[in-house]
Amino acid sequence: MSTHKSLIYLVCVATAGCIATLTAQQPSPMIVVQPANTAPAAAPAAAAPSSGESAVAAAIKTLEQVKAANDATLKKQEAMLQQLDELQKAAEQLKVFSKRV
């Protein structure tokens, strides 16, 4: 009789393991969230310039626009890093003061 109970227990454990494995392998839906503070991507030129010089000029203009957008992003990031540093210093001071009490 004890062999019969062991067999039932083993089957139940194996079934539970299979069920857990099957539900764990379900793919989760992929959600893509765009960053809130991004500059819009530079739109490509609608018409291709006819001469080589105008193509180079257009490429330079596009690169300058991209550089300006990158500079603006870097300034925002630098300001954010300064704010984070200030918050970290304030948190450290609060931690020190809380130990004194």
C-alpha atoms as a PDB file:
ATOM      1  CA  MET A   1       0.000   0.000   0.000  1.00  0.00           C
ATOM      2  CA  SER A   2       2.853   2.388   0.742  1.00  0.00           C
ATOM      3  CA  THR A   3       4.242   1.810  -2.758  1.00  0.00           C
ATOM      4  CA  HIS A   4       0.892   2.821  -4.173  1.00  0.00           C
ATOM      5  CA  LYS A   5       0.908   6.085  -2.149  1.00  0.00           C
ATOM      6  CA  SER A   6       4.502   6.799  -3.221  1.00  0.00           C
ATOM      7  CA  LEU A   7       3.562   6.283  -6.859  1.00  0.00           C
ATOM      8  CA  ILE A   8       0.598   8.668  -6.571  1.00  0.00           C
ATOM      9  CA  TYR A   9       2.795  11.257  -4.823  1.00  0.00           C
ATOM     10  CA  LEU A  10       5.461  10.933  -7.542  1.00  0.00           C
ATOM     11  CA  VAL A  11       2.868  11.351 -10.306  1.00  0.00           C
ATOM     12  CA  CYS A  12       1.415  14.435  -8.593  1.00  0.00           C
ATOM     13  CA  VAL A  13       4.853  16.019  -8.215  1.00  0.00           C
ATOM     14  CA  ALA A  14       5.745  15.265 -11.829  1.00  0.00           C
ATOM     15  CA  THR A  15       2.425  16.718 -13.044  1.00  0.00           C
ATOM     16  CA  ALA A  16       2.908  19.882 -10.976  1.00  0.00           C
ATOM     17  CA  GLY A  17       6.424  20.251 -12.368  1.00  0.00           C
ATOM     18  CA  CYS A  18       5.158  19.916 -15.930  1.00  0.00           C
ATOM     19  CA  ILE A  19       2.399  22.461 -15.350  1.00  0.00           C
ATOM     20  CA  ALA A  20       4.862  24.929 -13.826  1.00  0.00           C
ATOM     21  CA  THR A  21       7.203  24.502 -16.778  1.00  0.00           C
ATOM     22  CA  LEU A  22       4.450  24.971 -19.330  1.00  0.00           C
ATOM     23  CA  THR A  23       3.152  28.185 -17.790  1.00  0.00           C
ATOM     24  CA  ALA A  24       6.675  29.550 -17.339  1.00  0.00           C
ATOM     25  CA  GLN A  25       7.401  29.242 -21.042  1.00  0.00           C
ATOM     26  CA  GLN A  26       4.532  31.447 -22.166  1.00  0.00           C
ATOM     27  CA  PRO A  27       5.956  34.434 -24.023  1.00  0.00           C
ATOM     28  CA  SER A  28       5.260  37.762 -22.415  1.00  0.00           C
ATOM     29  CA  PRO A  29       4.015  40.540 -24.675  1.00  0.00           C
ATOM     30  CA  MET A  30       6.776  42.926 -25.708  1.00  0.00           C
ATOM     31  CA  ILE A  31       5.974  46.538 -24.949  1.00  0.00           C
ATOM     32  CA  VAL A  32       8.219  49.247 -26.360  1.00  0.00           C
ATOM     33  CA  VAL A  33       8.085  52.591 -24.591  1.00  0.00           C
ATOM     34  CA  GLN A  34       9.699  55.602 -26.218  1.00  0.00           C
ATOM     35  CA  PRO A  35      11.742  57.914 -23.983  1.00  0.00           C
ATOM     36  CA  ALA A  36       9.903  61.089 -23.011  1.00  0.00           C
ATOM     37  CA  ASN A  37      12.763  63.559 -23.446  1.00  0.00           C
ATOM     38  CA  THR A  38      14.091  62.645 -26.856  1.00  0.00           C
ATOM     39  CA  ALA A  39      14.494  65.028 -29.720  1.00  0.00           C
ATOM     40  CA  PRO A  40      12.639  63.987 -32.863  1.00  0.00           C
ATOM     41  CA  ALA A  41      14.791  62.203 -35.381  1.00  0.00           C
ATOM     42  CA  ALA A  42      16.033  64.319 -38.250  1.00  0.00           C
ATOM     43  CA  ALA A  43      13.897  63.684 -41.306  1.00  0.00           C
ATOM     44  CA  PRO A  44      15.825  62.590 -44.384  1.00  0.00           C
ATOM     45  CA  ALA A  45      15.876  64.946 -47.337  1.00  0.00           C
ATOM     46  CA  ALA A  46      12.797  64.492 -49.507  1.00  0.00           C
ATOM     47  CA  ALA A  47      14.538  64.986 -52.840  1.00  0.00           C
ATOM     48  CA  ALA A  48      18.084  63.977 -53.650  1.00  0.00           C
ATOM     49  CA  PRO A  49      20.224  66.957 -54.729  1.00  0.00           C
ATOM     50  CA  SER A  50      21.253  66.899 -58.343  1.00  0.00           C
ATOM     51  CA  SER A  51      24.891  67.938 -58.007  1.00  0.00           C
ATOM     52  CA  GLY A  52      27.669  66.578 -55.803  1.00  0.00           C
ATOM     53  CA  GLU A  53      28.270  69.910 -54.073  1.00  0.00           C
ATOM     54  CA  SER A  54      24.650  70.289 -53.051  1.00  0.00           C
ATOM     55  CA  ALA A  55      24.672  66.704 -51.730  1.00  0.00           C
ATOM     56  CA  VAL A  56      27.691  67.481 -49.573  1.00  0.00           C
ATOM     57  CA  ALA A  57      26.081  70.730 -48.393  1.00  0.00           C
ATOM     58  CA  ALA A  58      22.882  68.890 -47.494  1.00  0.00           C
ATOM     59  CA  ALA A  59      24.863  66.221 -45.631  1.00  0.00           C
ATOM     60  CA  ILE A  60      26.774  68.893 -43.702  1.00  0.00           C
ATOM     61  CA  LYS A  61      23.534  70.674 -42.825  1.00  0.00           C
ATOM     62  CA  THR A  62      21.996  67.422 -41.592  1.00  0.00           C
ATOM     63  CA  LEU A  63      25.082  66.626 -39.526  1.00  0.00           C
ATOM     64  CA  GLU A  64      24.988  70.104 -37.973  1.00  0.00           C
ATOM     65  CA  GLN A  65      21.354  69.568 -37.020  1.00  0.00           C
ATOM     66  CA  VAL A  66      22.188  66.212 -35.464  1.00  0.00           C
ATOM     67  CA  LYS A  67      25.140  67.751 -33.612  1.00  0.00           C
ATOM     68  CA  ALA A  68      22.919  70.534 -32.254  1.00  0.00           C
ATOM     69  CA  ALA A  69      20.366  67.978 -31.060  1.00  0.00           C
ATOM     70  CA  ASN A  70      23.136  65.915 -29.422  1.00  0.00           C
ATOM     71  CA  ASP A  71      24.543  69.007 -27.700  1.00  0.00           C
ATOM     72  CA  ALA A  72      21.114  69.865 -26.320  1.00  0.00           C
ATOM     73  CA  THR A  73      20.708  66.309 -25.039  1.00  0.00           C
ATOM     74  CA  LEU A  74      24.139  66.428 -23.398  1.00  0.00           C
ATOM     75  CA  LYS A  75      23.260  69.693 -21.652  1.00  0.00           C
ATOM     76  CA  LYS A  76      20.038  68.163 -20.319  1.00  0.00           C
ATOM     77  CA  GLN A  77      21.924  65.089 -19.111  1.00  0.00           C
ATOM     78  CA  GLU A  78      24.575  67.227 -17.414  1.00  0.00           C
ATOM     79  CA  ALA A  79      21.892  69.227 -15.592  1.00  0.00           C
ATOM     80  CA  MET A  80      20.202  65.998 -14.517  1.00  0.00           C
ATOM     81  CA  LEU A  81      23.513  64.602 -13.222  1.00  0.00           C
ATOM     82  CA  GLN A  82      24.070  67.754 -11.175  1.00  0.00           C
ATOM     83  CA  GLN A  83      20.600  67.412  -9.660  1.00  0.00           C
ATOM     84  CA  LEU A  84      21.277  63.764  -8.857  1.00  0.00           C
ATOM     85  CA  ASP A  85      24.578  64.682  -7.201  1.00  0.00           C
ATOM     86  CA  GLU A  86      22.798  67.283  -5.063  1.00  0.00           C
ATOM     87  CA  LEU A  87      20.143  64.740  -4.086  1.00  0.00           C
ATOM     88  CA  GLN A  88      22.817  62.210  -3.185  1.00  0.00           C
ATOM     89  CA  LYS A  89      24.631  64.754  -0.986  1.00  0.00           C
ATOM     90  CA  ALA A  90      21.359  65.666   0.711  1.00  0.00           C
ATOM     91  CA  ALA A  91      20.577  61.983   1.302  1.00  0.00           C
ATOM     92  CA  GLU A  92      24.025  61.427   2.816  1.00  0.00           C
ATOM     93  CA  GLN A  93      23.553  64.407   5.127  1.00  0.00           C
ATOM     94  CA  LEU A  94      20.143  63.145   6.162  1.00  0.00           C
ATOM     95  CA  LYS A  95      21.659  59.739   6.846  1.00  0.00           C
ATOM     96  CA  VAL A  96      24.348  61.292   9.052  1.00  0.00           C
ATOM     97  CA  PHE A  97      21.838  63.435  10.949  1.00  0.00           C
ATOM     98  CA  SER A  98      19.478  60.521  11.470  1.00  0.00           C
ATOM     99  CA  LYS A  99      22.266  58.511  13.137  1.00  0.00           C
ATOM    100  CA  ARG A 100      22.861  61.309  15.628  1.00  0.00           C
ATOM    101  CA  VAL A 101      19.326  61.167  16.953  1.00  0.00           C
END
